[in-house]
Amino acid sequence: MALVKFQRRPARIAFPDFSAGVFPGFDDAENRMNRFIDRVFNEPYGALALPETIGWIPAMDVAENAKELTLSAELPGMDQKDIDVSVEDGVLTIKGEKLEERSEEQDKKSYLVERSYGTFHRSFALPPNVNGNTVSAEFDKGVLKVHLPKDAEVKPKGRKVEIKTI
């Protein structure tokens, strides 16, 4: 059983009632176009060309074989002391902080900064056949590997649900 990442469902789209005149009139379309042109010529540099990143989330992979689940996280530029891995109440949590490497040089100018820094926090629900007490981790060359051995004694419980006629 693999770890399942939470994904939001796409929003449902309701079809409009065309009898109520939902299409914009000529005046509405003209007003929208005028506002667009005003923004382009009056505020050409008002917004950032590239969106700013919100926090930092390291890339992670989850793989499964017959004996264990393995979670791999890319943490380039981090030290082992900056990473914390914990298991509590069936939830694996990986958190840490990547510090910015800045030197105070007054004659140096940065023209492009794409690397992300800051704290991160990722949590994963453990499947029922993984015992939290046997989890181990290793860190080498900027890659964290968390080993989640499957417990042979714990089997996922399931049952058939009877459908009753009313």
Foldseek 3Di string as FASTA:
>chain_A
DWFDDDDDDDDDDDDDDVVVPPDDDPVVVVVVVVVVVCCCVVPVPVDPPDDDDDADDWDWDWDDDPWWIKIKTFAPQDDPVQWDWADDPQKIKIKGWHDDDDDPDPVDDDDDDDDGTTMDMDMTGHDQQFDRVPWDWDDDNRMIMIITTGHPVGDDDDDDDDDDDD
